[in-house]
């Protein structure tokens, strides 16, 4: 089901990253960038990212989930699409990172109507090669070294 949002309004949503098995991955420390656009936006895009400890147009919640704040975006009406790129640490690659790129629909539609339906909306992105932490997968206690 598409949620609708007036295209002239600021809005936000919760970004949830999942591994290929559908396990939620929180506290992602890898550098990533989320690009939002509509089919009619041409080169006009809105970006949120995490890089080297700094968040841009987003913030991590206490539980490690990510809130995206789409502020003063200027995107036109249409289905809100995403491109998500992440550099996952992987020593098998010469630069130490596996660059992974996924794209899809946020299931949000920006419309020219007086409607705001995004309170509590969660956008889930499944990212190949991203792994939930062992303690999240097994439910065991976190071991500190």
Foldseek 3Di string as FASTA:
>chain_A
DAAEDAQQDKDKEWEWEAEPVRQTAFPDPWWKKKWKAFPPQVPQIDMWIDDPHDTDQWDADPVRIIMHIRPPRPHDWHFIKMKMWTWPQDPVDPVRTDIWIDIDTQSYTHDNDPDHGRVHHYRYDYTYPDDHDPCSVVVDDDDDD
